[in-house]
Amino acid sequence: MTYPPPLYHGDKGEVSALYRPAGQDPELVYPNGTRIHYLSTGESTGGLFGLYRWECGPGVTGPEPHFHHSLSESFYILDGVLRIYDGERWIDAEPGDYVHVPPGGIHAFKNQSGAPVRMLLHFSPGAPREGYFEGLTEVAEMTEAERTAFYLAHDNIWQ
């Protein structure tokens, strides 16, 4: 494997780092209390990746088995125990555990521990997942056809 082609063509570098303090408020809070921090969006990384910190409360939360045609998805557990489905079995992922799901890989995650869970969720390439996360709050009010179109538009293929 070789390095990809250059994305930056300058000779001196530039001042362009992004700093996000740990205490910054989340961009999205679900009615169940799950808090989502948009650390790096696909837009902010030029489509290279998206990185989000999820903070789930103690209640059961998380999607059913699904896959993506165009995205890989990775999970890194910071605190708590999160059940992650790898397409064959449910894994109790603990702090420090990492799960990578390539495009087409069936996966799901659930907080069934009865305790809060914090994780980093990484998507590559950086698709506009924020629209998906934000739209999930309206799925219950959608018609079946609207729901199907919403999931397809956001590359979520349910099993």
N, C-alpha and C. Protein backbone atom coordinates (compact mmCIF):
# COMPACT_ATOMS: atom_id res chain seq x y z
N MET A 1 0.84 -1.18 0.00
CA MET A 1 0.00 0.00 0.00
C MET A 1 0.88 1.25 0.00
N THR A 2 0.49 2.26 -0.73
CA THR A 2 1.24 3.50 -0.80
C THR A 2 0.40 4.65 -0.25
N TYR A 3 1.05 5.76 -0.02
CA TYR A 3 0.33 6.95 0.42
C TYR A 3 -0.57 7.45 -0.70
N PRO A 4 -1.73 8.02 -0.34
CA PRO A 4 -2.61 8.58 -1.37
C PRO A 4 -1.98 9.86 -1.95
N PRO A 5 -2.54 10.36 -3.05
CA PRO A 5 -2.01 11.59 -3.62
C PRO A 5 -2.13 12.76 -2.64
N PRO A 6 -1.27 13.74 -2.74
CA PRO A 6 -1.31 14.88 -1.82
C PRO A 6 -2.65 15.61 -1.87
N LEU A 7 -3.09 16.05 -0.71
CA LEU A 7 -4.28 16.89 -0.62
C LEU A 7 -3.90 18.36 -0.42
N TYR A 8 -2.70 18.57 0.04
CA TYR A 8 -2.18 19.93 0.26
C TYR A 8 -0.95 20.08 -0.61
N HIS A 9 -0.88 21.19 -1.33
CA HIS A 9 0.20 21.37 -2.29
C HIS A 9 1.12 22.54 -1.97
N GLY A 10 0.97 23.14 -0.80
CA GLY A 10 1.83 24.25 -0.42
C GLY A 10 3.19 23.77 0.04
N ASP A 11 4.12 24.72 0.18
CA ASP A 11 5.49 24.40 0.60
C ASP A 11 5.75 24.67 2.07
N LYS A 12 4.97 25.52 2.70
CA LYS A 12 5.28 25.97 4.05
C LYS A 12 4.28 25.51 5.11
N GLY A 13 3.24 24.86 4.73
CA GLY A 13 2.22 24.50 5.71
C GLY A 13 1.34 25.70 6.00
N GLU A 14 0.32 25.47 6.80
CA GLU A 14 -0.61 26.55 7.13
C GLU A 14 -1.16 26.36 8.52
N VAL A 15 -1.69 27.42 9.07
CA VAL A 15 -2.33 27.36 10.38
C VAL A 15 -3.80 27.04 10.13
N SER A 16 -4.21 25.79 10.42
CA SER A 16 -5.57 25.39 10.09
C SER A 16 -6.15 24.36 11.05
N ALA A 17 -5.48 24.10 12.17
CA ALA A 17 -5.98 23.10 13.12
C ALA A 17 -7.29 23.58 13.75
N LEU A 18 -8.14 22.64 14.11
CA LEU A 18 -9.40 22.92 14.78
C LEU A 18 -9.31 22.40 16.21
N TYR A 19 -9.62 23.27 17.16
CA TYR A 19 -9.61 22.88 18.57
C TYR A 19 -11.04 22.88 19.08
N ARG A 20 -11.42 21.82 19.76
CA ARG A 20 -12.75 21.72 20.36
C ARG A 20 -12.57 21.33 21.81
N PRO A 21 -12.85 22.23 22.75
CA PRO A 21 -12.69 21.91 24.18
C PRO A 21 -13.63 20.78 24.61
N ALA A 22 -13.19 19.98 25.54
CA ALA A 22 -13.97 18.83 26.02
C ALA A 22 -15.34 19.24 26.56
N GLY A 23 -15.45 20.41 27.15
CA GLY A 23 -16.69 20.82 27.78
C GLY A 23 -17.71 21.46 26.86
N GLN A 24 -17.44 21.50 25.57
CA GLN A 24 -18.39 22.12 24.64
C GLN A 24 -19.70 21.35 24.62
N ASP A 25 -20.80 22.09 24.54
CA ASP A 25 -22.12 21.45 24.50
C ASP A 25 -22.29 20.61 23.24
N PRO A 26 -23.08 19.53 23.31
CA PRO A 26 -23.32 18.71 22.13
C PRO A 26 -24.16 19.47 21.10
N GLU A 27 -24.02 19.10 19.86
CA GLU A 27 -24.84 19.70 18.80
C GLU A 27 -26.26 19.13 18.78
N LEU A 28 -26.43 17.93 19.29
CA LEU A 28 -27.73 17.27 19.23
C LEU A 28 -27.98 16.50 20.52
N VAL A 29 -29.18 16.64 21.06
CA VAL A 29 -29.60 15.86 22.24
C VAL A 29 -30.95 15.24 21.89
N TYR A 30 -31.01 13.92 21.92
CA TYR A 30 -32.26 13.20 21.64
C TYR A 30 -33.19 13.26 22.85
N PRO A 31 -34.49 13.05 22.63
CA PRO A 31 -35.43 13.04 23.75
C PRO A 31 -35.07 12.01 24.84
N ASN A 32 -34.38 10.91 24.45
CA ASN A 32 -34.00 9.90 25.45
C ASN A 32 -32.74 10.29 26.22
N GLY A 33 -32.16 11.47 25.89
CA GLY A 33 -30.99 11.96 26.61
C GLY A 33 -29.67 11.69 25.92
N THR A 34 -29.65 10.89 24.84
CA THR A 34 -28.41 10.66 24.11
C THR A 34 -27.90 11.99 23.58
N ARG A 35 -26.62 12.23 23.80
CA ARG A 35 -25.98 13.48 23.39
C ARG A 35 -24.94 13.18 22.31
N ILE A 36 -24.99 13.93 21.21
CA ILE A 36 -24.08 13.70 20.10
C ILE A 36 -23.25 14.97 19.87
N HIS A 37 -21.94 14.78 19.94
CA HIS A 37 -21.00 15.86 19.70
C HIS A 37 -20.43 15.69 18.29
N TYR A 38 -20.56 16.70 17.45
CA TYR A 38 -20.03 16.66 16.09
C TYR A 38 -18.56 17.10 16.15
N LEU A 39 -17.67 16.18 16.39
CA LEU A 39 -16.25 16.52 16.52
C LEU A 39 -15.65 16.95 15.19
N SER A 40 -15.84 16.14 14.16
CA SER A 40 -15.42 16.47 12.80
C SER A 40 -16.49 15.96 11.86
N THR A 41 -17.10 16.86 11.13
CA THR A 41 -18.11 16.45 10.17
C THR A 41 -17.46 16.17 8.83
N GLY A 42 -18.16 15.50 7.96
CA GLY A 42 -17.65 15.29 6.61
C GLY A 42 -17.36 16.61 5.92
N GLU A 43 -18.21 17.60 6.17
CA GLU A 43 -17.98 18.92 5.57
C GLU A 43 -16.68 19.55 6.09
N SER A 44 -16.45 19.44 7.40
CA SER A 44 -15.26 20.08 7.98
C SER A 44 -13.95 19.36 7.60
N THR A 45 -14.04 18.10 7.16
CA THR A 45 -12.83 17.35 6.76
C THR A 45 -12.71 17.21 5.25
N GLY A 46 -13.51 17.97 4.52
CA GLY A 46 -13.45 17.87 3.06
C GLY A 46 -13.89 16.50 2.56
N GLY A 47 -14.77 15.84 3.31
CA GLY A 47 -15.28 14.53 2.91
C GLY A 47 -14.41 13.35 3.26
N LEU A 48 -13.31 13.58 3.98
CA LEU A 48 -12.41 12.47 4.31
C LEU A 48 -13.01 11.54 5.35
N PHE A 49 -13.61 12.09 6.40
CA PHE A 49 -14.19 11.28 7.47
C PHE A 49 -15.13 12.14 8.30
N GLY A 50 -15.89 11.48 9.16
CA GLY A 50 -16.71 12.14 10.18
C GLY A 50 -16.43 11.46 11.50
N LEU A 51 -16.32 12.26 12.57
CA LEU A 51 -16.05 11.71 13.90
C LEU A 51 -17.01 12.35 14.89
N TYR A 52 -17.69 11.50 15.66
CA TYR A 52 -18.73 11.95 16.58
C TYR A 52 -18.53 11.28 17.94
N ARG A 53 -18.81 12.02 19.01
CA ARG A 53 -18.81 11.41 20.34
C ARG A 53 -20.26 11.24 20.76
N TRP A 54 -20.63 10.00 21.03
CA TRP A 54 -21.98 9.66 21.48
C TRP A 54 -21.92 9.41 22.98
N GLU A 55 -22.86 9.99 23.69
CA GLU A 55 -23.00 9.79 25.13
C GLU A 55 -24.43 9.31 25.38
N CYS A 56 -24.56 8.02 25.57
CA CYS A 56 -25.87 7.40 25.77
C CYS A 56 -26.16 7.30 27.25
N GLY A 57 -27.41 7.56 27.62
CA GLY A 57 -27.84 7.37 28.99
C GLY A 57 -27.99 5.89 29.31
N PRO A 58 -28.53 5.58 30.47
CA PRO A 58 -28.63 4.18 30.87
C PRO A 58 -29.75 3.40 30.18
N GLY A 59 -30.66 4.10 29.50
CA GLY A 59 -31.76 3.40 28.83
C GLY A 59 -31.30 2.68 27.58
N VAL A 60 -32.09 1.70 27.14
CA VAL A 60 -31.77 0.94 25.93
C VAL A 60 -31.89 1.87 24.73
N THR A 61 -30.85 1.90 23.93
CA THR A 61 -30.84 2.74 22.73
C THR A 61 -29.92 2.14 21.69
N GLY A 62 -30.15 2.46 20.42
CA GLY A 62 -29.28 2.01 19.34
C GLY A 62 -30.06 1.39 18.20
N PRO A 63 -29.49 1.38 17.00
CA PRO A 63 -30.19 0.88 15.81
C PRO A 63 -30.16 -0.64 15.69
N GLU A 64 -31.11 -1.13 14.92
CA GLU A 64 -31.18 -2.55 14.58
C GLU A 64 -30.12 -2.86 13.51
N PRO A 65 -29.89 -4.15 13.20
CA PRO A 65 -28.89 -4.50 12.18
C PRO A 65 -29.16 -3.82 10.84
N HIS A 66 -28.07 -3.31 10.26
CA HIS A 66 -28.12 -2.60 8.99
C HIS A 66 -26.73 -2.61 8.36
N PHE A 67 -26.63 -2.07 7.15
CA PHE A 67 -25.33 -1.89 6.51
C PHE A 67 -25.37 -0.63 5.67
N HIS A 68 -24.18 -0.22 5.20
CA HIS A 68 -24.04 0.95 4.34
C HIS A 68 -23.32 0.54 3.06
N HIS A 69 -23.77 1.07 1.94
CA HIS A 69 -23.09 0.81 0.66
C HIS A 69 -21.81 1.63 0.53
N SER A 70 -21.81 2.84 1.08
CA SER A 70 -20.73 3.79 0.78
C SER A 70 -19.87 4.19 1.97
N LEU A 71 -20.14 3.66 3.13
CA LEU A 71 -19.44 4.09 4.35
C LEU A 71 -18.84 2.93 5.11
N SER A 72 -17.69 3.16 5.69
CA SER A 72 -17.23 2.29 6.77
C SER A 72 -17.60 2.99 8.07
N GLU A 73 -17.80 2.22 9.12
CA GLU A 73 -18.19 2.76 10.41
C GLU A 73 -17.34 2.08 11.48
N SER A 74 -16.80 2.88 12.39
CA SER A 74 -15.96 2.34 13.44
C SER A 74 -16.42 2.86 14.80
N PHE A 75 -16.26 2.01 15.80
CA PHE A 75 -16.68 2.31 17.17
C PHE A 75 -15.48 2.17 18.10
N TYR A 76 -15.27 3.17 18.94
CA TYR A 76 -14.24 3.10 19.98
C TYR A 76 -14.92 3.44 21.30
N ILE A 77 -14.93 2.49 22.22
CA ILE A 77 -15.65 2.67 23.48
C ILE A 77 -14.77 3.43 24.47
N LEU A 78 -15.32 4.51 25.00
CA LEU A 78 -14.62 5.34 25.99
C LEU A 78 -14.99 4.95 27.41
N ASP A 79 -16.30 4.80 27.67
CA ASP A 79 -16.81 4.45 29.00
C ASP A 79 -18.03 3.56 28.85
N GLY A 80 -18.19 2.62 29.76
CA GLY A 80 -19.37 1.77 29.77
C GLY A 80 -19.19 0.53 28.90
N VAL A 81 -20.29 -0.20 28.73
CA VAL A 81 -20.29 -1.42 27.92
C VAL A 81 -21.40 -1.28 26.88
N LEU A 82 -21.00 -1.36 25.62
CA LEU A 82 -21.93 -1.25 24.50
C LEU A 82 -21.96 -2.56 23.76
N ARG A 83 -23.15 -3.07 23.49
CA ARG A 83 -23.29 -4.29 22.69
C ARG A 83 -23.21 -3.90 21.22
N ILE A 84 -22.30 -4.52 20.49
CA ILE A 84 -22.13 -4.26 19.07
C ILE A 84 -22.31 -5.56 18.31
N TYR A 85 -23.17 -5.52 17.30
CA TYR A 85 -23.42 -6.69 16.47
C TYR A 85 -22.47 -6.66 15.28
N ASP A 86 -21.71 -7.73 15.07
CA ASP A 86 -20.72 -7.78 14.00
C ASP A 86 -21.21 -8.55 12.77
N GLY A 87 -22.51 -8.77 12.69
CA GLY A 87 -23.08 -9.53 11.58
C GLY A 87 -23.33 -10.98 11.91
N GLU A 88 -22.67 -11.48 12.96
CA GLU A 88 -22.86 -12.87 13.40
C GLU A 88 -23.22 -12.97 14.87
N ARG A 89 -22.64 -12.08 15.68
CA ARG A 89 -22.85 -12.19 17.13
C ARG A 89 -22.81 -10.79 17.76
N TRP A 90 -23.33 -10.73 18.97
CA TRP A 90 -23.28 -9.50 19.75
C TRP A 90 -22.04 -9.54 20.63
N ILE A 91 -21.25 -8.47 20.58
CA ILE A 91 -20.03 -8.35 21.36
C ILE A 91 -20.26 -7.31 22.46
N ASP A 92 -19.90 -7.63 23.69
CA ASP A 92 -19.95 -6.63 24.76
C ASP A 92 -18.65 -5.84 24.73
N ALA A 93 -18.68 -4.69 24.04
CA ALA A 93 -17.49 -3.87 23.87
C ALA A 93 -17.31 -2.98 25.10
N GLU A 94 -16.10 -2.99 25.64
CA GLU A 94 -15.76 -2.26 26.87
C GLU A 94 -14.78 -1.14 26.56
N PRO A 95 -14.50 -0.27 27.54
CA PRO A 95 -13.57 0.83 27.30
C PRO A 95 -12.24 0.34 26.71
N GLY A 96 -11.84 1.01 25.63
CA GLY A 96 -10.62 0.64 24.92
C GLY A 96 -10.87 -0.30 23.75
N ASP A 97 -12.04 -0.95 23.69
CA ASP A 97 -12.36 -1.84 22.58
C ASP A 97 -12.70 -1.03 21.33
N TYR A 98 -12.36 -1.59 20.19
CA TYR A 98 -12.54 -0.95 18.89
C TYR A 98 -13.17 -1.96 17.94
N VAL A 99 -14.18 -1.52 17.19
CA VAL A 99 -14.82 -2.36 16.18
C VAL A 99 -14.89 -1.55 14.89
N HIS A 100 -14.38 -2.13 13.80
CA HIS A 100 -14.43 -1.50 12.48
C HIS A 100 -15.35 -2.32 11.59
N VAL A 101 -16.26 -1.64 10.90
CA VAL A 101 -17.19 -2.29 9.98
C VAL A 101 -16.98 -1.70 8.58
N PRO A 102 -16.47 -2.48 7.62
CA PRO A 102 -16.27 -1.96 6.27
C PRO A 102 -17.61 -1.76 5.55
N PRO A 103 -17.60 -1.04 4.42
CA PRO A 103 -18.83 -0.90 3.64
C PRO A 103 -19.44 -2.28 3.36
N GLY A 104 -20.74 -2.38 3.52
CA GLY A 104 -21.44 -3.65 3.30
C GLY A 104 -21.51 -4.54 4.52
N GLY A 105 -20.76 -4.21 5.57
CA GLY A 105 -20.76 -5.03 6.78
C GLY A 105 -22.00 -4.81 7.62
N ILE A 106 -22.69 -5.89 7.93
CA ILE A 106 -23.89 -5.81 8.77
C ILE A 106 -23.44 -5.52 10.20
N HIS A 107 -24.12 -4.57 10.83
CA HIS A 107 -23.78 -4.18 12.20
C HIS A 107 -24.97 -3.52 12.88
N ALA A 108 -24.86 -3.41 14.18
CA ALA A 108 -25.85 -2.72 15.01
C ALA A 108 -25.16 -2.42 16.33
N PHE A 109 -25.76 -1.54 17.12
CA PHE A 109 -25.25 -1.33 18.48
C PHE A 109 -26.42 -1.02 19.39
N LYS A 110 -26.27 -1.42 20.64
CA LYS A 110 -27.29 -1.22 21.65
C LYS A 110 -26.64 -0.97 23.00
N ASN A 111 -27.14 0.01 23.70
CA ASN A 111 -26.77 0.14 25.10
C ASN A 111 -27.84 -0.61 25.89
N GLN A 112 -27.50 -1.77 26.35
CA GLN A 112 -28.41 -2.59 27.14
C GLN A 112 -27.85 -2.82 28.54
N SER A 113 -26.84 -2.05 28.91
CA SER A 113 -26.11 -2.28 30.15
C SER A 113 -26.80 -1.72 31.39
N GLY A 114 -27.75 -0.79 31.18
CA GLY A 114 -28.38 -0.14 32.33
C GLY A 114 -27.52 0.98 32.90
N ALA A 115 -26.41 1.30 32.23
CA ALA A 115 -25.49 2.36 32.67
C ALA A 115 -25.15 3.23 31.46
N PRO A 116 -24.70 4.45 31.69
CA PRO A 116 -24.30 5.30 30.56
C PRO A 116 -23.14 4.70 29.77
N VAL A 117 -23.07 5.06 28.50
CA VAL A 117 -22.00 4.64 27.60
C VAL A 117 -21.53 5.86 26.81
N ARG A 118 -20.23 5.98 26.65
CA ARG A 118 -19.66 7.01 25.79
C ARG A 118 -18.77 6.32 24.76
N MET A 119 -18.90 6.75 23.49
CA MET A 119 -18.08 6.16 22.43
C MET A 119 -17.76 7.20 21.39
N LEU A 120 -16.71 6.91 20.63
CA LEU A 120 -16.41 7.66 19.42
C LEU A 120 -16.94 6.85 18.25
N LEU A 121 -17.63 7.52 17.35
CA LEU A 121 -18.20 6.90 16.16
C LEU A 121 -17.56 7.57 14.95
N HIS A 122 -16.90 6.77 14.11
CA HIS A 122 -16.13 7.28 12.97
C HIS A 122 -16.73 6.74 11.68
N PHE A 123 -16.95 7.62 10.72
CA PHE A 123 -17.41 7.23 9.39
C PHE A 123 -16.37 7.65 8.36
N SER A 124 -16.14 6.78 7.37
CA SER A 124 -15.25 7.13 6.28
C SER A 124 -15.82 6.56 4.99
N PRO A 125 -15.91 7.36 3.93
CA PRO A 125 -15.62 8.78 3.90
C PRO A 125 -16.62 9.59 4.70
N GLY A 126 -16.39 10.88 4.75
CA GLY A 126 -17.21 11.78 5.57
C GLY A 126 -18.49 12.20 4.90
N ALA A 127 -19.50 11.38 5.02
CA ALA A 127 -20.83 11.69 4.49
C ALA A 127 -21.55 12.65 5.45
N PRO A 128 -22.61 13.29 5.01
CA PRO A 128 -23.35 14.22 5.88
C PRO A 128 -24.25 13.49 6.88
N ARG A 129 -23.64 12.79 7.82
CA ARG A 129 -24.40 11.99 8.79
C ARG A 129 -25.25 12.85 9.73
N GLU A 130 -24.90 14.13 9.89
CA GLU A 130 -25.65 15.00 10.78
C GLU A 130 -27.13 15.05 10.36
N GLY A 131 -27.39 15.09 9.06
CA GLY A 131 -28.78 15.10 8.57
C GLY A 131 -29.50 13.83 8.95
N TYR A 132 -28.79 12.72 8.96
CA TYR A 132 -29.38 11.46 9.39
C TYR A 132 -29.67 11.49 10.88
N PHE A 133 -28.66 11.87 11.68
CA PHE A 133 -28.85 11.90 13.13
C PHE A 133 -30.02 12.81 13.50
N GLU A 134 -30.08 13.98 12.89
CA GLU A 134 -31.11 14.95 13.22
C GLU A 134 -32.48 14.49 12.72
N GLY A 135 -32.52 13.82 11.58
CA GLY A 135 -33.78 13.34 11.03
C GLY A 135 -34.39 12.19 11.81
N LEU A 136 -33.58 11.47 12.57
CA LEU A 136 -34.11 10.35 13.36
C LEU A 136 -35.17 10.79 14.34
N THR A 137 -35.14 12.05 14.76
CA THR A 137 -36.15 12.54 15.72
C THR A 137 -37.52 12.65 15.07
N GLU A 138 -37.59 12.62 13.73
CA GLU A 138 -38.86 12.78 13.02
C GLU A 138 -39.35 11.49 12.36
N VAL A 139 -38.59 10.42 12.47
CA VAL A 139 -38.94 9.17 11.79
C VAL A 139 -40.31 8.65 12.21
N ALA A 140 -40.65 8.77 13.48
CA ALA A 140 -41.93 8.25 13.97
C ALA A 140 -43.12 8.94 13.31
N GLU A 141 -42.96 10.18 12.87
CA GLU A 141 -44.07 10.91 12.24
C GLU A 141 -44.11 10.72 10.73
N MET A 142 -43.13 10.03 10.14
CA MET A 142 -43.07 9.84 8.70
C MET A 142 -43.99 8.71 8.26
N THR A 143 -44.47 8.82 7.02
CA THR A 143 -45.19 7.69 6.42
C THR A 143 -44.16 6.60 6.11
N GLU A 144 -44.63 5.43 5.80
CA GLU A 144 -43.72 4.33 5.46
C GLU A 144 -42.86 4.71 4.25
N ALA A 145 -43.47 5.34 3.25
CA ALA A 145 -42.73 5.74 2.05
C ALA A 145 -41.68 6.81 2.39
N GLU A 146 -42.04 7.77 3.23
CA GLU A 146 -41.08 8.81 3.64
C GLU A 146 -39.93 8.21 4.44
N ARG A 147 -40.25 7.27 5.31
CA ARG A 147 -39.23 6.62 6.12
C ARG A 147 -38.26 5.83 5.23
N THR A 148 -38.79 5.10 4.27
CA THR A 148 -37.96 4.33 3.34
C THR A 148 -37.04 5.27 2.56
N ALA A 149 -37.59 6.36 2.06
CA ALA A 149 -36.79 7.34 1.30
C ALA A 149 -35.72 7.97 2.19
N PHE A 150 -36.07 8.29 3.43
CA PHE A 150 -35.11 8.89 4.37
C PHE A 150 -33.93 7.94 4.60
N TYR A 151 -34.22 6.68 4.88
CA TYR A 151 -33.14 5.72 5.14
C TYR A 151 -32.28 5.50 3.89
N LEU A 152 -32.89 5.40 2.73
CA LEU A 152 -32.12 5.22 1.48
C LEU A 152 -31.24 6.44 1.20
N ALA A 153 -31.79 7.64 1.42
CA ALA A 153 -31.03 8.87 1.18
C ALA A 153 -29.81 8.95 2.08
N HIS A 154 -29.87 8.27 3.24
CA HIS A 154 -28.76 8.30 4.20
C HIS A 154 -28.00 6.97 4.26
N ASP A 155 -28.17 6.15 3.21
CA ASP A 155 -27.41 4.91 3.06
C ASP A 155 -27.52 3.99 4.28
N ASN A 156 -28.71 3.88 4.84
CA ASN A 156 -28.98 2.90 5.90
C ASN A 156 -29.88 1.83 5.31
N ILE A 157 -29.34 0.64 5.16
CA ILE A 157 -30.06 -0.48 4.59
C ILE A 157 -30.33 -1.47 5.72
N TRP A 158 -31.59 -1.57 6.11
CA TRP A 158 -31.96 -2.42 7.27
C TRP A 158 -32.04 -3.87 6.87
N GLN A 159 -31.70 -4.74 7.79
CA GLN A 159 -31.75 -6.19 7.58
C GLN A 159 -33.05 -6.76 8.09
